Amino acid sequence: MFVLELTYTAPLEQVDAALADHVDWLDRQYAAGTFLASGRKEPRDGGVILAVAADRAAIEDLVAGDPFVTAGVCAYRITEFLATKTVPGLAEYRQQLPA
């Protein structure tokens, strides 16, 4: 599982100009089953996405296509972790520690 932390690198006016395309991109990732949760940070200086993928390379490729990235208005910090405990609704995403 991955935590994707977005940090805005441009004024909010430029972020807002790319927002509709970013939301469309988010919707496609939810439909594909890659994103589990997302939202903006408070204060509004970026956002956070909880995602699943086969590996880090897949996530790196995915975020490279985010309209916020292609517009040059945000940078991503990608953190991979093993979700060994979850609420029941996320049980299908639970992972095992390596042996």
PDB file of N, CA and C in Angstrom:
ATOM      1  N   MET A   1       0.856  -1.171   0.000  1.00  0.00           N
ATOM      2  CA  MET A   1       0.000   0.000   0.000  1.00  0.00           C
ATOM      3  C   MET A   1       0.902   1.234   0.000  1.00  0.00           C
ATOM      4  N   PHE A   2       0.351   2.333  -0.455  1.00  0.00           N
ATOM      5  CA  PHE A   2       1.132   3.558  -0.596  1.00  0.00           C
ATOM      6  C   PHE A   2       0.372   4.762  -0.048  1.00  0.00           C
ATOM      7  N   VAL A   3       1.113   5.640   0.606  1.00  0.00           N
ATOM      8  CA  VAL A   3       0.612   6.957   0.971  1.00  0.00           C
ATOM      9  C   VAL A   3       1.287   7.929   0.010  1.00  0.00           C
ATOM     10  N   LEU A   4       0.467   8.661  -0.718  1.00  0.00           N
ATOM     11  CA  LEU A   4       0.960   9.649  -1.672  1.00  0.00           C
ATOM     12  C   LEU A   4       0.678  11.021  -1.094  1.00  0.00           C
ATOM     13  N   GLU A   5       1.735  11.746  -0.783  1.00  0.00           N
ATOM     14  CA  GLU A   5       1.563  13.087  -0.229  1.00  0.00           C
ATOM     15  C   GLU A   5       1.919  14.112  -1.295  1.00  0.00           C
ATOM     16  N   LEU A   6       0.949  14.944  -1.626  1.00  0.00           N
ATOM     17  CA  LEU A   6       1.152  16.014  -2.596  1.00  0.00           C
ATOM     18  C   LEU A   6       1.457  17.300  -1.853  1.00  0.00           C
ATOM     19  N   THR A   7       2.429  18.035  -2.355  1.00  0.00           N
ATOM     20  CA  THR A   7       2.744  19.363  -1.836  1.00  0.00           C
ATOM     21  C   THR A   7       2.697  20.330  -3.008  1.00  0.00           C
ATOM     22  N   TYR A   8       1.895  21.371  -2.858  1.00  0.00           N
ATOM     23  CA  TYR A   8       1.792  22.357  -3.931  1.00  0.00           C
ATOM     24  C   TYR A   8       3.103  23.124  -4.064  1.00  0.00           C
ATOM     25  N   THR A   9       3.497  23.326  -5.312  1.00  0.00           N
ATOM     26  CA  THR A   9       4.736  24.044  -5.614  1.00  0.00           C
ATOM     27  C   THR A   9       4.459  25.323  -6.392  1.00  0.00           C
ATOM     28  N   ALA A  10       3.190  25.679  -6.487  1.00  0.00           N
ATOM     29  CA  ALA A  10       2.773  26.870  -7.237  1.00  0.00           C
ATOM     30  C   ALA A  10       1.645  27.543  -6.458  1.00  0.00           C
ATOM     31  N   PRO A  11       1.353  28.788  -6.782  1.00  0.00           N
ATOM     32  CA  PRO A  11       0.245  29.489  -6.118  1.00  0.00           C
ATOM     33  C   PRO A  11      -1.087  28.754  -6.337  1.00  0.00           C
ATOM     34  N   LEU A  12      -2.001  28.923  -5.380  1.00  0.00           N
ATOM     35  CA  LEU A  12      -3.294  28.240  -5.456  1.00  0.00           C
ATOM     36  C   LEU A  12      -4.068  28.563  -6.730  1.00  0.00           C
ATOM     37  N   GLU A  13      -3.869  29.729  -7.298  1.00  0.00           N
ATOM     38  CA  GLU A  13      -4.563  30.070  -8.547  1.00  0.00           C
ATOM     39  C   GLU A  13      -4.157  29.097  -9.655  1.00  0.00           C
ATOM     40  N   GLN A  14      -2.870  28.727  -9.699  1.00  0.00           N
ATOM     41  CA  GLN A  14      -2.403  27.768 -10.708  1.00  0.00           C
ATOM     42  C   GLN A  14      -2.882  26.350 -10.380  1.00  0.00           C
ATOM     43  N   VAL A  15      -2.908  26.014  -9.097  1.00  0.00           N
ATOM     44  CA  VAL A  15      -3.443  24.708  -8.674  1.00  0.00           C
ATOM     45  C   VAL A  15      -4.907  24.608  -9.096  1.00  0.00           C
ATOM     46  N   ASP A  16      -5.684  25.625  -8.801  1.00  0.00           N
ATOM     47  CA  ASP A  16      -7.105  25.613  -9.130  1.00  0.00           C
ATOM     48  C   ASP A  16      -7.344  25.515 -10.639  1.00  0.00           C
ATOM     49  N   ALA A  17      -6.448  26.077 -11.431  1.00  0.00           N
ATOM     50  CA  ALA A  17      -6.594  26.002 -12.887  1.00  0.00           C
ATOM     51  C   ALA A  17      -6.468  24.565 -13.392  1.00  0.00           C
ATOM     52  N   ALA A  18      -5.747  23.719 -12.669  1.00  0.00           N
ATOM     53  CA  ALA A  18      -5.565  22.317 -13.058  1.00  0.00           C
ATOM     54  C   ALA A  18      -6.474  21.369 -12.276  1.00  0.00           C
ATOM     55  N   LEU A  19      -7.294  21.911 -11.377  1.00  0.00           N
ATOM     56  CA  LEU A  19      -8.068  21.080 -10.458  1.00  0.00           C
ATOM     57  C   LEU A  19      -9.076  20.172 -11.156  1.00  0.00           C
ATOM     58  N   ALA A  20      -9.812  20.663 -12.124  1.00  0.00           N
ATOM     59  CA  ALA A  20     -10.825  19.832 -12.792  1.00  0.00           C
ATOM     60  C   ALA A  20     -10.183  18.622 -13.460  1.00  0.00           C
ATOM     61  N   ASP A  21      -9.056  18.828 -14.120  1.00  0.00           N
ATOM     62  CA  ASP A  21      -8.350  17.718 -14.761  1.00  0.00           C
ATOM     63  C   ASP A  21      -7.808  16.744 -13.719  1.00  0.00           C
ATOM     64  N   HIS A  22      -7.329  17.271 -12.595  1.00  0.00           N
ATOM     65  CA  HIS A  22      -6.834  16.424 -11.511  1.00  0.00           C
ATOM     66  C   HIS A  22      -7.970  15.564 -10.946  1.00  0.00           C
ATOM     67  N   VAL A  23      -9.141  16.146 -10.746  1.00  0.00           N
ATOM     68  CA  VAL A  23     -10.289  15.406 -10.217  1.00  0.00           C
ATOM     69  C   VAL A  23     -10.715  14.315 -11.203  1.00  0.00           C
ATOM     70  N   ASP A  24     -10.708  14.606 -12.497  1.00  0.00           N
ATOM     71  CA  ASP A  24     -11.017  13.583 -13.502  1.00  0.00           C
ATOM     72  C   ASP A  24     -10.017  12.427 -13.417  1.00  0.00           C
ATOM     73  N   TRP A  25      -8.734  12.774 -13.246  1.00  0.00           N
ATOM     74  CA  TRP A  25      -7.684  11.767 -13.104  1.00  0.00           C
ATOM     75  C   TRP A  25      -7.912  10.929 -11.844  1.00  0.00           C
ATOM     76  N   LEU A  26      -8.264  11.584 -10.731  1.00  0.00           N
ATOM     77  CA  LEU A  26      -8.586  10.857  -9.500  1.00  0.00           C
ATOM     78  C   LEU A  26      -9.734   9.873  -9.738  1.00  0.00           C
ATOM     79  N   ASP A  27     -10.789  10.335 -10.395  1.00  0.00           N
ATOM     80  CA  ASP A  27     -11.954   9.490 -10.657  1.00  0.00           C
ATOM     81  C   ASP A  27     -11.566   8.243 -11.450  1.00  0.00           C
ATOM     82  N   ARG A  28     -10.670   8.397 -12.412  1.00  0.00           N
ATOM     83  CA  ARG A  28     -10.217   7.240 -13.200  1.00  0.00           C
ATOM     84  C   ARG A  28      -9.448   6.250 -12.325  1.00  0.00           C
ATOM     85  N   GLN A  29      -8.665   6.752 -11.380  1.00  0.00           N
ATOM     86  CA  GLN A  29      -7.894   5.860 -10.500  1.00  0.00           C
ATOM     87  C   GLN A  29      -8.815   5.131  -9.517  1.00  0.00           C
ATOM     88  N   TYR A  30      -9.857   5.815  -9.044  1.00  0.00           N
ATOM     89  CA  TYR A  30     -10.846   5.140  -8.195  1.00  0.00           C
ATOM     90  C   TYR A  30     -11.555   4.047  -8.993  1.00  0.00           C
ATOM     91  N   ALA A  31     -11.955   4.336 -10.221  1.00  0.00           N
ATOM     92  CA  ALA A  31     -12.647   3.355 -11.057  1.00  0.00           C
ATOM     93  C   ALA A  31     -11.762   2.138 -11.335  1.00  0.00           C
ATOM     94  N   ALA A  32     -10.454   2.362 -11.426  1.00  0.00           N
ATOM     95  CA  ALA A  32      -9.512   1.268 -11.678  1.00  0.00           C
ATOM     96  C   ALA A  32      -9.202   0.467 -10.412  1.00  0.00           C
ATOM     97  N   GLY A  33      -9.651   0.960  -9.253  1.00  0.00           N
ATOM     98  CA  GLY A  33      -9.393   0.264  -7.999  1.00  0.00           C
ATOM     99  C   GLY A  33      -8.041   0.571  -7.377  1.00  0.00           C
ATOM    100  N   THR A  34      -7.364   1.590  -7.879  1.00  0.00           N
ATOM    101  CA  THR A  34      -6.030   1.942  -7.379  1.00  0.00           C
ATOM    102  C   THR A  34      -6.090   2.839  -6.158  1.00  0.00           C
ATOM    103  N   PHE A  35      -7.028   3.778  -6.117  1.00  0.00           N
ATOM    104  CA  PHE A  35      -7.124   4.718  -5.002  1.00  0.00           C
ATOM    105  C   PHE A  35      -8.232   4.285  -4.048  1.00  0.00           C
ATOM    106  N   LEU A  36      -7.923   4.381  -2.743  1.00  0.00           N
ATOM    107  CA  LEU A  36      -8.878   4.007  -1.704  1.00  0.00           C
ATOM    108  C   LEU A  36      -9.457   5.211  -0.985  1.00  0.00           C
ATOM    109  N   ALA A  37      -8.677   6.277  -0.868  1.00  0.00           N
ATOM    110  CA  ALA A  37      -9.122   7.499  -0.189  1.00  0.00           C
ATOM    111  C   ALA A  37      -8.223   8.643  -0.651  1.00  0.00           C
ATOM    112  N   SER A  38      -8.768   9.846  -0.618  1.00  0.00           N
ATOM    113  CA  SER A  38      -7.966  11.018  -0.977  1.00  0.00           C
ATOM    114  C   SER A  38      -8.624  12.266  -0.429  1.00  0.00           C
ATOM    115  N   GLY A  39      -7.833  13.330  -0.350  1.00  0.00           N
ATOM    116  CA  GLY A  39      -8.378  14.604   0.085  1.00  0.00           C
ATOM    117  C   GLY A  39      -7.286  15.646   0.242  1.00  0.00           C
ATOM    118  N   ARG A  40      -7.714  16.885   0.380  1.00  0.00           N
ATOM    119  CA  ARG A  40      -6.745  17.968   0.534  1.00  0.00           C
ATOM    120  C   ARG A  40      -6.288  18.065   1.976  1.00  0.00           C
ATOM    121  N   LYS A  41      -5.084  18.571   2.152  1.00  0.00           N
ATOM    122  CA  LYS A  41      -4.556  18.805   3.488  1.00  0.00           C
ATOM    123  C   LYS A  41      -5.100  20.128   4.011  1.00  0.00           C
ATOM    124  N   GLU A  42      -5.133  20.240   5.319  1.00  0.00           N
ATOM    125  CA  GLU A  42      -5.486  21.499   5.983  1.00  0.00           C
ATOM    126  C   GLU A  42      -4.318  21.900   6.868  1.00  0.00           C
ATOM    127  N   PRO A  43      -3.709  23.034   6.658  1.00  0.00           N
ATOM    128  CA  PRO A  43      -4.092  24.049   5.674  1.00  0.00           C
ATOM    129  C   PRO A  43      -3.888  23.536   4.253  1.00  0.00           C
ATOM    130  N   ARG A  44      -4.502  24.219   3.312  1.00  0.00           N
ATOM    131  CA  ARG A  44      -4.524  23.773   1.919  1.00  0.00           C
ATOM    132  C   ARG A  44      -3.177  24.028   1.246  1.00  0.00           C
ATOM    133  N   ASP A  45      -2.249  23.101   1.478  1.00  0.00           N
ATOM    134  CA  ASP A  45      -0.939  23.199   0.829  1.00  0.00           C
ATOM    135  C   ASP A  45      -0.593  21.920   0.079  1.00  0.00           C
ATOM    136  N   GLY A  46      -1.612  21.082  -0.147  1.00  0.00           N
ATOM    137  CA  GLY A  46      -1.406  19.829  -0.867  1.00  0.00           C
ATOM    138  C   GLY A  46      -2.521  18.856  -0.572  1.00  0.00           C
ATOM    139  N   GLY A  47      -2.221  17.572  -0.708  1.00  0.00           N
ATOM    140  CA  GLY A  47      -3.222  16.548  -0.476  1.00  0.00           C
ATOM    141  C   GLY A  47      -2.577  15.232  -0.109  1.00  0.00           C
ATOM    142  N   VAL A  48      -3.436  14.250   0.162  1.00  0.00           N
ATOM    143  CA  VAL A  48      -2.992  12.907   0.524  1.00  0.00           C
ATOM    144  C   VAL A  48      -3.876  11.900  -0.204  1.00  0.00           C
ATOM    145  N   ILE A  49      -3.249  10.839  -0.714  1.00  0.00           N
ATOM    146  CA  ILE A  49      -3.974   9.758  -1.383  1.00  0.00           C
ATOM    147  C   ILE A  49      -3.498   8.441  -0.781  1.00  0.00           C
ATOM    148  N   LEU A  50      -4.422   7.547  -0.508  1.00  0.00           N
ATOM    149  CA  LEU A  50      -4.108   6.189  -0.092  1.00  0.00           C
ATOM    150  C   LEU A  50      -4.339   5.302  -1.308  1.00  0.00           C
ATOM    151  N   ALA A  51      -3.294   4.571  -1.727  1.00  0.00           N
ATOM    152  CA  ALA A  51      -3.360   3.823  -2.986  1.00  0.00           C
ATOM    153  C   ALA A  51      -2.818   2.409  -2.844  1.00  0.00           C
ATOM    154  N   VAL A  52      -3.240   1.550  -3.758  1.00  0.00           N
ATOM    155  CA  VAL A  52      -2.706   0.196  -3.857  1.00  0.00           C
ATOM    156  C   VAL A  52      -2.213  -0.012  -5.285  1.00  0.00           C
ATOM    157  N   ALA A  53      -1.124  -0.753  -5.395  1.00  0.00           N
ATOM    158  CA  ALA A  53      -0.562  -1.068  -6.714  1.00  0.00           C
ATOM    159  C   ALA A  53       0.378  -2.245  -6.570  1.00  0.00           C
ATOM    160  N   ALA A  54       0.749  -2.822  -7.693  1.00  0.00           N
ATOM    161  CA  ALA A  54       1.631  -3.982  -7.694  1.00  0.00           C
ATOM    162  C   ALA A  54       3.000  -3.657  -7.113  1.00  0.00           C
ATOM    163  N   ASP A  55       3.488  -2.452  -7.399  1.00  0.00           N
ATOM    164  CA  ASP A  55       4.816  -2.076  -6.907  1.00  0.00           C
ATOM    165  C   ASP A  55       5.011  -0.570  -7.010  1.00  0.00           C
ATOM    166  N   ARG A  56       6.124  -0.116  -6.464  1.00  0.00           N
ATOM    167  CA  ARG A  56       6.430   1.312  -6.440  1.00  0.00           C
ATOM    168  C   ARG A  56       6.557   1.896  -7.850  1.00  0.00           C
ATOM    169  N   ALA A  57       7.139   1.136  -8.760  1.00  0.00           N
ATOM    170  CA  ALA A  57       7.301   1.629 -10.127  1.00  0.00           C
ATOM    171  C   ALA A  57       5.952   1.953 -10.757  1.00  0.00           C
ATOM    172  N   ALA A  58       4.948   1.132 -10.482  1.00  0.00           N
ATOM    173  CA  ALA A  58       3.607   1.391 -11.019  1.00  0.00           C
ATOM    174  C   ALA A  58       3.045   2.692 -10.465  1.00  0.00           C
ATOM    175  N   ILE A  59       3.262   2.930  -9.186  1.00  0.00           N
ATOM    176  CA  ILE A  59       2.780   4.172  -8.568  1.00  0.00           C
ATOM    177  C   ILE A  59       3.538   5.373  -9.133  1.00  0.00           C
ATOM    178  N   GLU A  60       4.849   5.244  -9.285  1.00  0.00           N
ATOM    179  CA  GLU A  60       5.639   6.349  -9.847  1.00  0.00           C
ATOM    180  C   GLU A  60       5.163   6.703 -11.250  1.00  0.00           C
ATOM    181  N   ASP A  61       4.888   5.692 -12.067  1.00  0.00           N
ATOM    182  CA  ASP A  61       4.366   5.946 -13.414  1.00  0.00           C
ATOM    183  C   ASP A  61       3.004   6.623 -13.354  1.00  0.00           C
ATOM    184  N   LEU A  62       2.168   6.158 -12.433  1.00  0.00           N
ATOM    185  CA  LEU A  62       0.830   6.714 -12.302  1.00  0.00           C
ATOM    186  C   LEU A  62       0.867   8.190 -11.928  1.00  0.00           C
ATOM    187  N   VAL A  63       1.620   8.534 -10.878  1.00  0.00           N
ATOM    188  CA  VAL A  63       1.629   9.928 -10.429  1.00  0.00           C
ATOM    189  C   VAL A  63       2.294  10.848 -11.446  1.00  0.00           C
ATOM    190  N   ALA A  64       3.176  10.313 -12.273  1.00  0.00           N
ATOM    191  CA  ALA A  64       3.791  11.143 -13.315  1.00  0.00           C
ATOM    192  C   ALA A  64       2.747  11.672 -14.294  1.00  0.00           C
ATOM    193  N   GLY A  65       1.613  10.970 -14.396  1.00  0.00           N
ATOM    194  CA  GLY A  65       0.543  11.404 -15.290  1.00  0.00           C
ATOM    195  C   GLY A  65      -0.511  12.266 -14.639  1.00  0.00           C
ATOM    196  N   ASP A  66      -0.373  12.560 -13.358  1.00  0.00           N
ATOM    197  CA  ASP A  66      -1.330  13.436 -12.677  1.00  0.00           C
ATOM    198  C   ASP A  66      -1.273  14.819 -13.324  1.00  0.00           C
ATOM    199  N   PRO A  67      -2.405  15.381 -13.718  1.00  0.00           N
ATOM    200  CA  PRO A  67      -2.400  16.721 -14.302  1.00  0.00           C
ATOM    201  C   PRO A  67      -1.748  17.777 -13.411  1.00  0.00           C
ATOM    202  N   PHE A  68      -1.789  17.594 -12.100  1.00  0.00           N
ATOM    203  CA  PHE A  68      -1.067  18.519 -11.225  1.00  0.00           C
ATOM    204  C   PHE A  68       0.440  18.445 -11.488  1.00  0.00           C
ATOM    205  N   VAL A  69       0.948  17.246 -11.750  1.00  0.00           N
ATOM    206  CA  VAL A  69       2.375  17.080 -12.030  1.00  0.00           C
ATOM    207  C   VAL A  69       2.707  17.647 -13.403  1.00  0.00           C
ATOM    208  N   THR A  70       1.909  17.306 -14.404  1.00  0.00           N
ATOM    209  CA  THR A  70       2.212  17.778 -15.761  1.00  0.00           C
ATOM    210  C   THR A  70       2.059  19.299 -15.867  1.00  0.00           C
ATOM    211  N   ALA A  71       1.216  19.882 -15.003  1.00  0.00           N
ATOM    212  CA  ALA A  71       1.079  21.345 -14.975  1.00  0.00           C
ATOM    213  C   ALA A  71       2.163  22.001 -14.129  1.00  0.00           C
ATOM    214  N   GLY A  72       2.943  21.189 -13.428  1.00  0.00           N
ATOM    215  CA  GLY A  72       4.031  21.729 -12.616  1.00  0.00           C
ATOM    216  C   GLY A  72       3.584  22.424 -11.346  1.00  0.00           C
ATOM    217  N   VAL A  73       2.443  21.973 -10.767  1.00  0.00           N
ATOM    218  CA  VAL A  73       1.934  22.660  -9.577  1.00  0.00           C
ATOM    219  C   VAL A  73       2.070  21.853  -8.291  1.00  0.00           C
ATOM    220  N   CYS A  74       2.598  20.628  -8.378  1.00  0.00           N
ATOM    221  CA  CYS A  74       2.774  19.848  -7.156  1.00  0.00           C
ATOM    222  C   CYS A  74       3.941  18.880  -7.290  1.00  0.00           C
ATOM    223  N   ALA A  75       4.411  18.446  -6.143  1.00  0.00           N
ATOM    224  CA  ALA A  75       5.418  17.390  -6.055  1.00  0.00           C
ATOM    225  C   ALA A  75       4.849  16.290  -5.176  1.00  0.00           C
ATOM    226  N   TYR A  76       5.220  15.055  -5.470  1.00  0.00           N
ATOM    227  CA  TYR A  76       4.751  13.908  -4.702  1.00  0.00           C
ATOM    228  C   TYR A  76       5.841  13.366  -3.799  1.00  0.00           C
ATOM    229  N   ARG A  77       5.433  12.927  -2.619  1.00  0.00           N
ATOM    230  CA  ARG A  77       6.262  12.104  -1.744  1.00  0.00           C
ATOM    231  C   ARG A  77       5.530  10.769  -1.643  1.00  0.00           C
ATOM    232  N   ILE A  78       6.194   9.687  -2.045  1.00  0.00           N
ATOM    233  CA  ILE A  78       5.586   8.361  -2.060  1.00  0.00           C
ATOM    234  C   ILE A  78       6.155   7.555  -0.903  1.00  0.00           C
ATOM    235  N   THR A  79       5.268   7.053  -0.042  1.00  0.00           N
ATOM    236  CA  THR A  79       5.674   6.208   1.079  1.00  0.00           C
ATOM    237  C   THR A  79       4.981   4.861   0.925  1.00  0.00           C
ATOM    238  N   GLU A  80       5.777   3.806   0.828  1.00  0.00           N
ATOM    239  CA  GLU A  80       5.223   2.457   0.766  1.00  0.00           C
ATOM    240  C   GLU A  80       5.191   1.883   2.178  1.00  0.00           C
ATOM    241  N   PHE A  81       4.108   1.174   2.502  1.00  0.00           N
ATOM    242  CA  PHE A  81       4.034   0.516   3.800  1.00  0.00           C
ATOM    243  C   PHE A  81       3.241  -0.770   3.671  1.00  0.00           C
ATOM    244  N   LEU A  82       3.422  -1.665   4.635  1.00  0.00           N
ATOM    245  CA  LEU A  82       2.672  -2.917   4.673  1.00  0.00           C
ATOM    246  C   LEU A  82       1.482  -2.730   5.604  1.00  0.00           C
ATOM    247  N   ALA A  83       0.290  -2.793   5.055  1.00  0.00           N
ATOM    248  CA  ALA A  83      -0.942  -2.600   5.814  1.00  0.00           C
ATOM    249  C   ALA A  83      -1.325  -3.926   6.475  1.00  0.00           C
ATOM    250  N   THR A  84      -0.729  -4.205   7.605  1.00  0.00           N
ATOM    251  CA  THR A  84      -0.966  -5.478   8.286  1.00  0.00           C
ATOM    252  C   THR A  84      -2.221  -5.467   9.153  1.00  0.00           C
ATOM    253  N   LYS A  85      -2.756  -4.286   9.455  1.00  0.00           N
ATOM    254  CA  LYS A  85      -4.007  -4.156  10.198  1.00  0.00           C
ATOM    255  C   LYS A  85      -4.871  -3.137   9.457  1.00  0.00           C
ATOM    256  N   THR A  86      -6.153  -3.449   9.363  1.00  0.00           N
ATOM    257  CA  THR A  86      -7.102  -2.543   8.719  1.00  0.00           C
ATOM    258  C   THR A  86      -8.459  -2.647   9.408  1.00  0.00           C
ATOM    259  N   VAL A  87      -9.325  -1.704   9.105  1.00  0.00           N
ATOM    260  CA  VAL A  87     -10.726  -1.840   9.497  1.00  0.00           C
ATOM    261  C   VAL A  87     -11.321  -2.956   8.634  1.00  0.00           C
ATOM    262  N   PRO A  88     -12.418  -3.562   9.062  1.00  0.00           N
ATOM    263  CA  PRO A  88     -13.000  -4.665   8.286  1.00  0.00           C
ATOM    264  C   PRO A  88     -13.261  -4.311   6.818  1.00  0.00           C
ATOM    265  N   GLY A  89     -13.661  -3.089   6.534  1.00  0.00           N
ATOM    266  CA  GLY A  89     -13.951  -2.695   5.162  1.00  0.00           C
ATOM    267  C   GLY A  89     -12.750  -2.705   4.238  1.00  0.00           C
ATOM    268  N   LEU A  90     -11.558  -2.701   4.804  1.00  0.00           N
ATOM    269  CA  LEU A  90     -10.331  -2.746   3.999  1.00  0.00           C
ATOM    270  C   LEU A  90      -9.602  -4.076   4.138  1.00  0.00           C
ATOM    271  N   ALA A  91     -10.290  -5.083   4.651  1.00  0.00           N
ATOM    272  CA  ALA A  91      -9.653  -6.380   4.898  1.00  0.00           C
ATOM    273  C   ALA A  91      -8.992  -6.971   3.660  1.00  0.00           C
ATOM    274  N   GLU A  92      -9.557  -6.746   2.490  1.00  0.00           N
ATOM    275  CA  GLU A  92      -8.966  -7.305   1.281  1.00  0.00           C
ATOM    276  C   GLU A  92      -7.601  -6.710   0.944  1.00  0.00           C
ATOM    277  N   TYR A  93      -7.253  -5.612   1.594  1.00  0.00           N
ATOM    278  CA  TYR A  93      -5.960  -4.957   1.335  1.00  0.00           C
ATOM    279  C   TYR A  93      -4.905  -5.288   2.392  1.00  0.00           C
ATOM    280  N   ARG A  94      -5.256  -6.090   3.369  1.00  0.00           N
ATOM    281  CA  ARG A  94      -4.281  -6.455   4.410  1.00  0.00           C
ATOM    282  C   ARG A  94      -3.123  -7.217   3.790  1.00  0.00           C
ATOM    283  N   GLN A  95      -1.939  -6.927   4.335  1.00  0.00           N
ATOM    284  CA  GLN A  95      -0.730  -7.544   3.809  1.00  0.00           C
ATOM    285  C   GLN A  95      -0.024  -8.323   4.914  1.00  0.00           C
ATOM    286  N   GLN A  96       0.817  -9.241   4.499  1.00  0.00           N
ATOM    287  CA  GLN A  96       1.605 -10.043   5.427  1.00  0.00           C
ATOM    288  C   GLN A  96       3.024  -9.508   5.465  1.00  0.00           C
ATOM    289  N   LEU A  97       3.615  -9.565   6.645  1.00  0.00           N
ATOM    290  CA  LEU A  97       5.032  -9.219   6.764  1.00  0.00           C
ATOM    291  C   LEU A  97       5.851 -10.291   6.069  1.00  0.00           C
ATOM    292  N   PRO A  98       6.960  -9.904   5.444  1.00  0.00           N
ATOM    293  CA  PRO A  98       7.803 -10.926   4.803  1.00  0.00           C
ATOM    294  C   PRO A  98       8.367 -11.884   5.857  1.00  0.00           C
ATOM    295  N   ALA A  99       8.577 -13.105   5.447  1.00  0.00           N
ATOM    296  CA  ALA A  99       9.102 -14.120   6.371  1.00  0.00           C
ATOM    297  C   ALA A  99      10.557 -13.868   6.727  1.00  0.00           C
TER     298      ALA A  99
END
